C-alpha atoms as a PDB file:
ATOM      1  CA  MET A   1     -43.817  62.835   0.510  1.00  0.00           C
ATOM      2  CA  ILE A   2     -43.241  65.095   3.486  1.00  0.00           C
ATOM      3  CA  PHE A   3     -45.327  62.783   5.696  1.00  0.00           C
ATOM      4  CA  ALA A   4     -43.390  59.722   4.474  1.00  0.00           C
ATOM      5  CA  ALA A   5     -40.030  61.424   5.101  1.00  0.00           C
ATOM      6  CA  ALA A   6     -41.112  62.520   8.590  1.00  0.00           C
ATOM      7  CA  PHE A   7     -42.348  58.991   9.375  1.00  0.00           C
ATOM      8  CA  TYR A   8     -39.003  57.516   8.292  1.00  0.00           C
ATOM      9  CA  PHE A   9     -36.915  59.909  10.370  1.00  0.00           C
ATOM     10  CA  ILE A  10     -39.064  59.508  13.491  1.00  0.00           C
ATOM     11  CA  PHE A  11     -38.681  55.735  13.492  1.00  0.00           C
ATOM     12  CA  ASP A  12     -35.066  55.805  12.321  1.00  0.00           C
ATOM     13  CA  LEU A  13     -34.038  58.155  15.141  1.00  0.00           C
ATOM     14  CA  ASN A  14     -35.771  55.940  17.688  1.00  0.00           C
ATOM     15  CA  ALA A  15     -33.848  52.820  16.664  1.00  0.00           C
ATOM     16  CA  ASN A  16     -32.415  50.905  19.617  1.00  0.00           C
ATOM     17  CA  ILE A  17     -28.694  51.436  19.960  1.00  0.00           C
ATOM     18  CA  GLY A  18     -26.696  48.581  21.403  1.00  0.00           C
ATOM     19  CA  ASP A  19     -24.337  48.883  24.325  1.00  0.00           C
ATOM     20  CA  THR A  20     -23.568  45.267  25.309  1.00  0.00           C
ATOM     21  CA  VAL A  21     -21.753  42.512  23.427  1.00  0.00           C
ATOM     22  CA  ILE A  22     -23.247  39.057  23.967  1.00  0.00           C
ATOM     23  CA  ILE A  23     -21.133  36.088  22.898  1.00  0.00           C
ATOM     24  CA  LYS A  24     -22.903  32.750  22.523  1.00  0.00           C
ATOM     25  CA  ILE A  25     -21.802  29.197  21.773  1.00  0.00           C
ATOM     26  CA  ASN A  26     -24.500  26.832  20.520  1.00  0.00           C
ATOM     27  CA  GLY A  27     -27.083  29.457  21.465  1.00  0.00           C
ATOM     28  CA  GLU A  28     -25.956  29.522  25.118  1.00  0.00           C
ATOM     29  CA  ILE A  29     -24.502  32.739  26.555  1.00  0.00           C
ATOM     30  CA  TYR A  30     -20.737  32.414  26.995  1.00  0.00           C
ATOM     31  CA  ASP A  31     -19.972  36.004  28.042  1.00  0.00           C
ATOM     32  CA  GLU A  32     -21.509  39.483  28.185  1.00  0.00           C
ATOM     33  CA  VAL A  33     -19.223  42.511  27.915  1.00  0.00           C
ATOM     34  CA  SER A  34     -19.954  46.224  27.897  1.00  0.00           C
ATOM     35  CA  LEU A  35     -18.839  48.098  24.788  1.00  0.00           C
ATOM     36  CA  ASN A  36     -17.169  50.557  27.165  1.00  0.00           C
ATOM     37  CA  GLU A  37     -14.579  47.924  28.121  1.00  0.00           C
ATOM     38  CA  ASN A  38     -11.453  47.067  26.150  1.00  0.00           C
ATOM     39  CA  LYS A  39     -11.159  43.299  26.388  1.00  0.00           C
ATOM     40  CA  ASP A  40     -10.261  40.162  24.445  1.00  0.00           C
ATOM     41  CA  VAL A  41     -12.620  37.241  25.053  1.00  0.00           C
ATOM     42  CA  GLU A  42     -11.016  33.864  24.346  1.00  0.00           C
ATOM     43  CA  ILE A  43     -13.505  31.147  23.486  1.00  0.00           C
ATOM     44  CA  GLU A  44     -12.297  27.664  24.348  1.00  0.00           C
ATOM     45  CA  LEU A  45     -13.706  24.411  23.099  1.00  0.00           C
ATOM     46  CA  ASP A  46     -14.271  21.506  25.481  1.00  0.00           C
ATOM     47  CA  SER A  47     -10.834  20.175  24.572  1.00  0.00           C
ATOM     48  CA  GLY A  48      -9.180  23.382  25.817  1.00  0.00           C
ATOM     49  CA  ILE A  49      -8.318  24.620  22.324  1.00  0.00           C
ATOM     50  CA  ILE A  50      -9.034  28.310  21.672  1.00  0.00           C
ATOM     51  CA  SER A  51     -11.468  28.421  18.751  1.00  0.00           C
ATOM     52  CA  ASN A  52     -12.171  32.149  18.593  1.00  0.00           C
ATOM     53  CA  ILE A  53     -11.055  35.449  20.083  1.00  0.00           C
ATOM     54  CA  VAL A  54     -13.480  38.365  20.146  1.00  0.00           C
ATOM     55  CA  ARG A  55     -11.904  41.779  20.676  1.00  0.00           C
ATOM     56  CA  ILE A  56     -13.871  44.646  22.191  1.00  0.00           C
ATOM     57  CA  LYS A  57     -11.957  47.866  21.703  1.00  0.00           C
ATOM     58  CA  ASP A  58     -12.907  51.513  21.234  1.00  0.00           C
ATOM     59  CA  LYS A  59     -16.626  50.662  21.588  1.00  0.00           C
ATOM     60  CA  LYS A  60     -16.452  48.135  18.732  1.00  0.00           C
ATOM     61  CA  ALA A  61     -16.505  44.326  18.748  1.00  0.00           C
ATOM     62  CA  PHE A  62     -14.962  42.132  16.085  1.00  0.00           C
ATOM     63  CA  MET A  63     -13.639  38.623  15.565  1.00  0.00           C
ATOM     64  CA  LEU A  64      -9.872  38.823  16.021  1.00  0.00           C
ATOM     65  CA  TYR A  65      -9.106  35.108  15.611  1.00  0.00           C
ATOM     66  CA  ALA A  66     -10.975  32.038  14.427  1.00  0.00           C
ATOM     67  CA  ASN A  67      -9.579  28.573  13.759  1.00  0.00           C
ATOM     68  CA  CYS A  68     -12.416  27.742  11.332  1.00  0.00           C
ATOM     69  CA  PRO A  69     -11.488  26.818   7.753  1.00  0.00           C
ATOM     70  CA  ASP A  70     -13.441  29.537   5.919  1.00  0.00           C
ATOM     71  CA  GLY A  71     -12.688  32.618   8.079  1.00  0.00           C
ATOM     72  CA  PHE A  72     -15.816  34.511   7.001  1.00  0.00           C
ATOM     73  CA  CYS A  73     -16.361  35.787  10.538  1.00  0.00           C
ATOM     74  CA  LEU A  74     -12.966  37.503  10.425  1.00  0.00           C
ATOM     75  CA  LYS A  75     -14.082  39.564   7.424  1.00  0.00           C
ATOM     76  CA  HIS A  76     -17.265  40.892   9.068  1.00  0.00           C
ATOM     77  CA  ARG A  77     -17.277  44.606   9.834  1.00  0.00           C
ATOM     78  CA  PRO A  78     -16.858  45.530  13.503  1.00  0.00           C
ATOM     79  CA  LEU A  79     -20.073  45.937  15.471  1.00  0.00           C
ATOM     80  CA  GLY A  80     -20.362  48.943  17.720  1.00  0.00           C
ATOM     81  CA  SER A  81     -22.629  51.335  19.522  1.00  0.00           C
ATOM     82  CA  ASP A  82     -23.626  52.822  16.160  1.00  0.00           C
ATOM     83  CA  ALA A  83     -25.027  49.444  15.062  1.00  0.00           C
ATOM     84  CA  ASN A  84     -28.693  48.652  15.480  1.00  0.00           C
ATOM     85  CA  THR A  85     -29.506  45.965  17.986  1.00  0.00           C
ATOM     86  CA  ASN A  86     -29.560  42.373  16.747  1.00  0.00           C
ATOM     87  CA  ASP A  87     -26.597  42.908  14.436  1.00  0.00           C
ATOM     88  CA  MET A  88     -24.510  39.754  14.579  1.00  0.00           C
ATOM     89  CA  ILE A  89     -21.169  38.182  13.648  1.00  0.00           C
ATOM     90  CA  VAL A  90     -21.457  34.423  13.112  1.00  0.00           C
ATOM     91  CA  CYS A  91     -18.717  31.790  13.063  1.00  0.00           C
ATOM     92  CA  LEU A  92     -20.799  28.902  11.773  1.00  0.00           C
ATOM     93  CA  PRO A  93     -18.188  26.097  11.955  1.00  0.00           C
ATOM     94  CA  ASN A  94     -17.491  26.869  15.630  1.00  0.00           C
ATOM     95  CA  ARG A  95     -21.156  27.744  16.379  1.00  0.00           C
ATOM     96  CA  VAL A  96     -20.151  31.117  17.875  1.00  0.00           C
ATOM     97  CA  THR A  97     -22.227  34.293  17.590  1.00  0.00           C
ATOM     98  CA  VAL A  98     -21.390  37.849  18.615  1.00  0.00           C
ATOM     99  CA  GLU A  99     -24.406  40.127  19.083  1.00  0.00           C
ATOM    100  CA  ILE A 100     -24.976  43.723  20.102  1.00  0.00           C
ATOM    101  CA  LYS A 101     -27.835  44.184  22.555  1.00  0.00           C
ATOM    102  CA  ASN A 102     -29.285  47.159  24.366  1.00  0.00           C
ATOM    103  CA  ASP A 103     -29.137  47.223  28.178  1.00  0.00           C
ATOM    104  CA  ASN A 104     -31.875  49.845  28.404  1.00  0.00           C
ATOM    105  CA  LYS A 105     -34.545  48.167  30.531  1.00  0.00           C
ATOM    106  CA  ASN A 106     -37.140  50.790  29.579  1.00  0.00           C
ATOM    107  CA  ASN A 107     -37.477  49.493  26.021  1.00  0.00           C
ATOM    108  CA  ASN A 108     -40.845  48.022  25.189  1.00  0.00           C
ATOM    109  CA  LYS A 109     -41.035  44.423  24.142  1.00  0.00           C
ATOM    110  CA  TYR A 110     -42.783  45.391  20.898  1.00  0.00           C
ATOM    111  CA  ASP A 111     -41.931  47.991  18.263  1.00  0.00           C
ATOM    112  CA  ILE A 112     -45.590  48.742  17.548  1.00  0.00           C
ATOM    113  CA  VAL A 113     -48.963  47.401  18.623  1.00  0.00           C
ATOM    114  CA  ILE A 114     -51.950  47.424  16.282  1.00  0.00           C
ATOM    115  CA  LYS A 115     -55.325  46.997  17.874  1.00  0.00           C
ATOM    116  CA  ASN A 116     -58.347  45.782  15.957  1.00  0.00           C
ATOM    117  CA  ASN A 117     -61.569  47.228  17.359  1.00  0.00           C
ATOM    118  CA  TYR A 118     -63.855  44.984  15.302  1.00  0.00           C
END
């Protein structure tokens, strides 16, 4: 049990912490904003209508406005520096995603590598 608890805490403490908000439309990057900034990002459709507003404030990002009919994205908890990377807010009708990513370039591409010597 002690080994299992130690294993959990070692990997839990090494979790990647996000520091950049990436906003995408249809999978394409629309904007990247540091969590250290206080900024509202207005997302406009091709017709010039504002479909969503993402607010970054006090090192948290959340959906401030969405013109979609269901409004589920507005109810999502704010994402911040305490969130693990790859946390995401999704506005499905408008095809908008808000992700937290880590800018640390020293992160390895893989979490773990298992080598088979057979």
